[in-house]
Amino acid sequence: MQNNQDLLIAAGSIALSDNTVANVAQFSFANMTWSAVGSAADLPGPVTALEVNGGNASSIFAAGQ
């Protein structure tokens, strides 16, 4: 299980290195990689506001366009 303090959650209109488009992405400090949180089709964007609920990376609130 990964410690939530090992993650950075970012929002916007993000193009990851594998050409994946993400409106919310997470960076893992443990393995130094970015990954999409959900899919851009499921979470339209760009996301302009983001809240990680109580520091729990499994519970994210996002808002935007």
N, C-alpha and C. Protein backbone atom coordinates (compact mmCIF):
# COMPACT_ATOMS: atom_id res chain seq x y z
N MET A 1 0.84 -1.18 0.00
CA MET A 1 0.00 0.00 0.00
C MET A 1 0.88 1.24 0.00
N GLN A 2 0.51 2.21 -0.81
CA GLN A 2 1.32 3.41 -0.94
C GLN A 2 0.85 4.48 0.04
N ASN A 3 1.79 5.14 0.68
CA ASN A 3 1.50 6.23 1.59
C ASN A 3 1.05 7.43 0.76
N ASN A 4 -0.10 8.04 1.09
CA ASN A 4 -0.60 9.19 0.35
C ASN A 4 0.37 10.36 0.36
N GLN A 5 1.29 10.42 1.31
CA GLN A 5 2.27 11.50 1.35
C GLN A 5 3.33 11.31 0.27
N ASP A 6 3.33 10.18 -0.40
CA ASP A 6 4.27 9.92 -1.49
C ASP A 6 3.71 10.33 -2.84
N LEU A 7 2.53 11.01 -2.84
CA LEU A 7 1.87 11.38 -4.09
C LEU A 7 1.68 12.89 -4.18
N LEU A 8 1.76 13.39 -5.40
CA LEU A 8 1.41 14.77 -5.72
C LEU A 8 0.25 14.69 -6.69
N ILE A 9 -0.86 15.36 -6.40
CA ILE A 9 -2.02 15.37 -7.27
C ILE A 9 -2.05 16.71 -7.99
N ALA A 10 -2.18 16.69 -9.31
CA ALA A 10 -2.19 17.92 -10.12
C ALA A 10 -3.43 17.94 -11.01
N ALA A 11 -3.90 19.15 -11.33
CA ALA A 11 -5.08 19.29 -12.17
C ALA A 11 -4.81 20.30 -13.28
N GLY A 12 -5.57 20.18 -14.34
CA GLY A 12 -5.45 21.09 -15.48
C GLY A 12 -5.79 20.34 -16.74
N SER A 13 -5.12 20.64 -17.79
CA SER A 13 -5.20 19.88 -19.04
C SER A 13 -3.78 19.38 -19.30
N ILE A 14 -3.51 18.15 -18.91
CA ILE A 14 -2.14 17.64 -18.80
C ILE A 14 -1.89 16.57 -19.86
N ALA A 15 -0.79 16.70 -20.58
CA ALA A 15 -0.36 15.67 -21.53
C ALA A 15 0.79 14.91 -20.87
N LEU A 16 0.57 13.63 -20.59
CA LEU A 16 1.60 12.81 -19.97
C LEU A 16 2.59 12.33 -21.02
N SER A 17 3.72 11.80 -20.58
CA SER A 17 4.80 11.42 -21.49
C SER A 17 4.40 10.33 -22.48
N ASP A 18 3.39 9.52 -22.16
CA ASP A 18 2.95 8.47 -23.09
C ASP A 18 1.80 8.96 -23.98
N ASN A 19 1.63 10.29 -24.06
CA ASN A 19 0.60 10.96 -24.86
C ASN A 19 -0.81 10.77 -24.31
N THR A 20 -0.95 10.25 -23.10
CA THR A 20 -2.24 10.19 -22.43
C THR A 20 -2.63 11.60 -22.03
N VAL A 21 -3.90 11.95 -22.24
CA VAL A 21 -4.41 13.24 -21.80
C VAL A 21 -5.09 13.03 -20.45
N ALA A 22 -4.74 13.85 -19.49
CA ALA A 22 -5.32 13.73 -18.15
C ALA A 22 -5.77 15.10 -17.67
N ASN A 23 -6.92 15.15 -17.05
CA ASN A 23 -7.37 16.39 -16.42
C ASN A 23 -7.01 16.41 -14.94
N VAL A 24 -6.77 15.21 -14.39
CA VAL A 24 -6.20 15.06 -13.04
C VAL A 24 -5.14 13.98 -13.17
N ALA A 25 -3.97 14.23 -12.61
CA ALA A 25 -2.87 13.27 -12.66
C ALA A 25 -2.19 13.20 -11.30
N GLN A 26 -1.54 12.08 -11.07
CA GLN A 26 -0.78 11.95 -9.83
C GLN A 26 0.66 11.59 -10.14
N PHE A 27 1.55 12.16 -9.34
CA PHE A 27 2.98 11.87 -9.44
C PHE A 27 3.37 11.05 -8.23
N SER A 28 4.00 9.91 -8.46
CA SER A 28 4.47 9.05 -7.39
C SER A 28 5.95 9.35 -7.14
N PHE A 29 6.25 9.82 -5.94
CA PHE A 29 7.65 10.08 -5.59
C PHE A 29 8.41 8.76 -5.41
N ALA A 30 7.70 7.69 -5.10
CA ALA A 30 8.35 6.39 -4.88
C ALA A 30 8.99 5.86 -6.16
N ASN A 31 8.27 5.99 -7.30
CA ASN A 31 8.84 5.47 -8.54
C ASN A 31 9.02 6.56 -9.61
N MET A 32 8.82 7.83 -9.22
CA MET A 32 9.07 8.98 -10.09
C MET A 32 8.29 8.92 -11.40
N THR A 33 6.99 8.57 -11.34
CA THR A 33 6.17 8.48 -12.54
C THR A 33 4.87 9.25 -12.37
N TRP A 34 4.36 9.73 -13.51
CA TRP A 34 3.04 10.36 -13.59
C TRP A 34 2.04 9.35 -14.10
N SER A 35 0.79 9.44 -13.63
CA SER A 35 -0.29 8.62 -14.17
C SER A 35 -1.59 9.40 -14.09
N ALA A 36 -2.49 9.09 -15.00
CA ALA A 36 -3.80 9.76 -15.02
C ALA A 36 -4.65 9.22 -13.88
N VAL A 37 -5.46 10.10 -13.31
CA VAL A 37 -6.47 9.70 -12.32
C VAL A 37 -7.79 9.72 -13.07
N GLY A 38 -8.35 8.56 -13.33
CA GLY A 38 -9.54 8.48 -14.17
C GLY A 38 -9.15 8.72 -15.61
N SER A 39 -10.15 8.84 -16.47
CA SER A 39 -9.86 9.12 -17.87
C SER A 39 -10.40 10.48 -18.24
N ALA A 40 -9.82 11.10 -19.24
CA ALA A 40 -10.27 12.41 -19.69
C ALA A 40 -11.70 12.34 -20.19
N ALA A 41 -12.13 11.19 -20.71
CA ALA A 41 -13.51 11.03 -21.18
C ALA A 41 -14.49 11.01 -20.01
N ASP A 42 -14.08 10.44 -18.88
CA ASP A 42 -14.95 10.36 -17.71
C ASP A 42 -14.96 11.65 -16.90
N LEU A 43 -13.88 12.40 -16.98
CA LEU A 43 -13.74 13.65 -16.23
C LEU A 43 -13.35 14.75 -17.21
N PRO A 44 -14.36 15.38 -17.84
CA PRO A 44 -14.05 16.43 -18.81
C PRO A 44 -13.33 17.59 -18.15
N GLY A 45 -12.67 18.37 -18.92
CA GLY A 45 -11.88 19.43 -18.31
C GLY A 45 -11.68 20.58 -19.26
N PRO A 46 -10.76 21.43 -18.97
CA PRO A 46 -9.73 21.23 -17.94
C PRO A 46 -10.28 21.44 -16.53
N VAL A 47 -9.65 20.80 -15.59
CA VAL A 47 -9.99 20.94 -14.17
C VAL A 47 -9.28 22.18 -13.65
N THR A 48 -10.03 23.06 -12.99
CA THR A 48 -9.45 24.31 -12.49
C THR A 48 -9.42 24.37 -10.96
N ALA A 49 -10.07 23.44 -10.29
CA ALA A 49 -10.06 23.40 -8.82
C ALA A 49 -10.02 21.94 -8.39
N LEU A 50 -9.24 21.68 -7.36
CA LEU A 50 -9.03 20.30 -6.92
C LEU A 50 -8.89 20.27 -5.41
N GLU A 51 -9.50 19.26 -4.78
CA GLU A 51 -9.36 19.06 -3.33
C GLU A 51 -9.17 17.58 -3.08
N VAL A 52 -8.13 17.24 -2.35
CA VAL A 52 -7.92 15.86 -1.92
C VAL A 52 -8.56 15.76 -0.54
N ASN A 53 -9.60 14.97 -0.43
CA ASN A 53 -10.42 14.88 0.78
C ASN A 53 -9.63 14.30 1.96
N GLY A 54 -9.29 15.13 2.89
CA GLY A 54 -8.61 14.69 4.10
C GLY A 54 -7.27 14.02 3.83
N GLY A 55 -6.60 14.38 2.73
CA GLY A 55 -5.32 13.78 2.41
C GLY A 55 -5.44 12.38 1.83
N ASN A 56 -6.65 11.93 1.52
CA ASN A 56 -6.89 10.60 0.99
C ASN A 56 -6.92 10.67 -0.53
N ALA A 57 -5.88 10.19 -1.20
CA ALA A 57 -5.77 10.27 -2.65
C ALA A 57 -6.84 9.43 -3.36
N SER A 58 -7.58 8.62 -2.63
CA SER A 58 -8.68 7.85 -3.23
C SER A 58 -9.98 8.64 -3.23
N SER A 59 -9.98 9.82 -2.63
CA SER A 59 -11.18 10.65 -2.53
C SER A 59 -10.83 12.08 -2.97
N ILE A 60 -11.03 12.35 -4.28
CA ILE A 60 -10.65 13.64 -4.86
C ILE A 60 -11.89 14.34 -5.38
N PHE A 61 -12.02 15.62 -5.08
CA PHE A 61 -13.09 16.47 -5.63
C PHE A 61 -12.47 17.36 -6.69
N ALA A 62 -13.10 17.41 -7.86
CA ALA A 62 -12.58 18.22 -8.96
C ALA A 62 -13.70 19.06 -9.55
N ALA A 63 -13.35 20.27 -9.99
CA ALA A 63 -14.32 21.15 -10.64
C ALA A 63 -13.61 21.88 -11.77
N GLY A 64 -14.39 22.37 -12.71
CA GLY A 64 -13.81 23.09 -13.82
C GLY A 64 -14.83 23.35 -14.89
N GLN A 65 -14.38 23.29 -16.13
CA GLN A 65 -15.27 23.58 -17.26
C GLN A 65 -15.96 22.34 -17.76
